[in-house]
Amino acid sequence: MLTHKQLRTKALGNADVKAEYEKLSDEFALLEEFLKARAAQGLTQAQVAQKIGTTQSAVARMESGSGKHSPSLATLSRYAEALGCKLEVKLVRKAGSATNLTGRSSSRTWRAAEL
């Protein structure tokens, strides 16, 4: 039986699978941040759920990134607050884009919203 790491490596060897995986890389990175923050606080899904007024299963769905449910920014913000964190949402230019949102050349990241 393959380990998760071996299975991932094998799957990402397929160009189609790798392309789809890369499309979701930002979502996976966000989910990993939430999981690391929860682990650092020593909280269970049930404890986070209680703090934000939802169920453990709702937290599990949110952490799984299953794609069936997209939590609102308000929910993500409450989750972050329950972990002693602050949620920041940013607009970042894609690679190769020379201008910022005002049309001027800049390497600065523009913050769309800060919760």
Protein backbone atom coordinates (compact mmCIF):
# COMPACT_ATOMS: atom_id res chain seq x y z
CA MET A 1 0.00 0.00 0.00
CA LEU A 2 1.28 3.47 -0.91
CA THR A 3 1.77 6.18 1.67
CA HIS A 4 0.01 9.51 1.13
CA LYS A 5 3.30 11.07 0.04
CA GLN A 6 3.99 8.28 -2.46
CA LEU A 7 0.46 8.45 -3.85
CA ARG A 8 0.70 12.23 -4.22
CA THR A 9 4.05 11.97 -6.00
CA LYS A 10 2.69 9.31 -8.34
CA ALA A 11 -0.50 11.26 -9.08
CA LEU A 12 1.39 14.50 -9.74
CA GLY A 13 3.45 12.63 -12.33
CA ASN A 14 0.32 12.80 -14.51
CA ALA A 15 0.29 16.18 -16.32
CA ASP A 16 -3.51 16.52 -16.16
CA VAL A 17 -3.62 15.80 -12.43
CA LYS A 18 -0.73 18.20 -11.82
CA ALA A 19 -2.48 21.00 -13.75
CA GLU A 20 -5.68 20.58 -11.71
CA TYR A 21 -3.71 20.40 -8.47
CA GLU A 22 -1.87 23.62 -9.30
CA LYS A 23 -5.18 25.39 -9.97
CA LEU A 24 -6.11 24.67 -6.35
CA SER A 25 -2.73 25.51 -4.80
CA ASP A 26 -3.92 28.76 -3.20
CA GLU A 27 -6.90 26.99 -1.61
CA PHE A 28 -4.66 24.18 -0.33
CA ALA A 29 -2.24 26.74 1.12
CA LEU A 30 -5.06 28.50 2.99
CA LEU A 31 -6.39 25.22 4.36
CA GLU A 32 -2.89 24.30 5.52
CA GLU A 33 -2.60 27.66 7.33
CA PHE A 34 -5.86 27.00 9.18
CA LEU A 35 -4.81 23.48 10.15
CA LYS A 36 -1.40 24.63 11.38
CA ALA A 37 -2.93 27.48 13.39
CA ARG A 38 -5.48 25.16 15.00
CA ALA A 39 -2.78 22.63 15.86
CA ALA A 40 -0.57 25.39 17.30
CA GLN A 41 -3.44 26.44 19.58
CA GLY A 42 -4.02 22.82 20.60
CA LEU A 43 -7.69 23.00 19.66
CA THR A 44 -9.91 20.27 18.28
CA GLN A 45 -12.43 20.85 15.51
CA ALA A 46 -15.17 20.59 18.15
CA GLN A 47 -13.56 23.31 20.27
CA VAL A 48 -13.22 25.66 17.29
CA ALA A 49 -16.83 24.92 16.33
CA GLN A 50 -18.01 25.86 19.81
CA LYS A 51 -16.04 29.12 19.71
CA ILE A 52 -17.54 30.18 16.37
CA GLY A 53 -21.05 28.88 16.98
CA THR A 54 -21.21 25.99 14.55
CA THR A 55 -20.83 22.21 14.52
CA GLN A 56 -17.71 20.08 14.40
CA SER A 57 -18.85 18.62 11.09
CA ALA A 58 -19.09 22.14 9.60
CA VAL A 59 -15.50 22.84 10.68
CA ALA A 60 -14.41 19.49 9.22
CA ARG A 61 -16.05 20.36 5.87
CA MET A 62 -14.39 23.77 5.88
CA GLU A 63 -10.97 22.26 6.63
CA SER A 64 -11.34 19.53 4.01
CA GLY A 65 -11.60 21.87 1.05
CA SER A 66 -14.02 19.45 -0.56
CA GLY A 67 -15.33 22.17 -2.85
CA LYS A 68 -18.96 21.42 -2.00
CA HIS A 69 -19.13 24.33 0.42
CA SER A 70 -17.38 27.66 0.20
CA PRO A 71 -17.40 29.38 3.58
CA SER A 72 -18.12 33.10 3.69
CA LEU A 73 -15.45 35.61 4.60
CA ALA A 74 -17.35 36.20 7.83
CA THR A 75 -17.08 32.49 8.72
CA LEU A 76 -13.38 32.39 7.83
CA SER A 77 -12.84 35.52 9.91
CA ARG A 78 -14.59 33.98 12.95
CA TYR A 79 -12.50 30.81 12.50
CA ALA A 80 -9.31 32.90 12.42
CA GLU A 81 -10.38 34.86 15.51
CA ALA A 82 -11.09 31.61 17.37
CA LEU A 83 -7.45 30.68 16.74
CA GLY A 84 -6.13 34.05 17.91
CA CYS A 85 -5.45 35.16 14.33
CA LYS A 86 -6.64 37.82 11.92
CA LEU A 87 -7.84 36.98 8.41
CA GLU A 88 -6.39 39.09 5.60
CA VAL A 89 -7.58 38.92 2.00
CA LYS A 90 -5.31 40.41 -0.64
CA LEU A 91 -5.40 41.02 -4.36
CA VAL A 92 -2.05 40.07 -5.83
CA ARG A 93 -1.13 40.60 -9.47
CA LYS A 94 -0.50 37.44 -11.44
CA ALA A 95 3.03 36.78 -12.64
CA GLY A 96 3.94 38.83 -15.70
CA SER A 97 1.60 41.70 -14.87
CA ALA A 98 3.55 44.97 -14.97
CA THR A 99 1.03 47.37 -13.49
CA ASN A 100 -0.86 47.59 -10.26
CA LEU A 101 -4.54 48.38 -9.80
CA THR A 102 -4.00 52.09 -10.45
CA GLY A 103 -2.20 51.42 -13.73
CA ARG A 104 1.20 52.47 -12.37
CA SER A 105 4.16 50.15 -12.30
CA SER A 106 4.83 48.85 -8.80
CA SER A 107 5.93 45.73 -6.97
CA ARG A 108 3.68 46.55 -4.01
CA THR A 109 0.91 44.11 -3.02
CA TRP A 110 -2.49 45.77 -2.87
CA ARG A 111 -4.74 44.81 0.02
CA ALA A 112 -8.36 44.31 -1.07
CA ALA A 113 -9.81 43.79 2.37
CA GLU A 114 -8.54 43.41 5.87
CA LEU A 115 -10.83 41.84 8.41
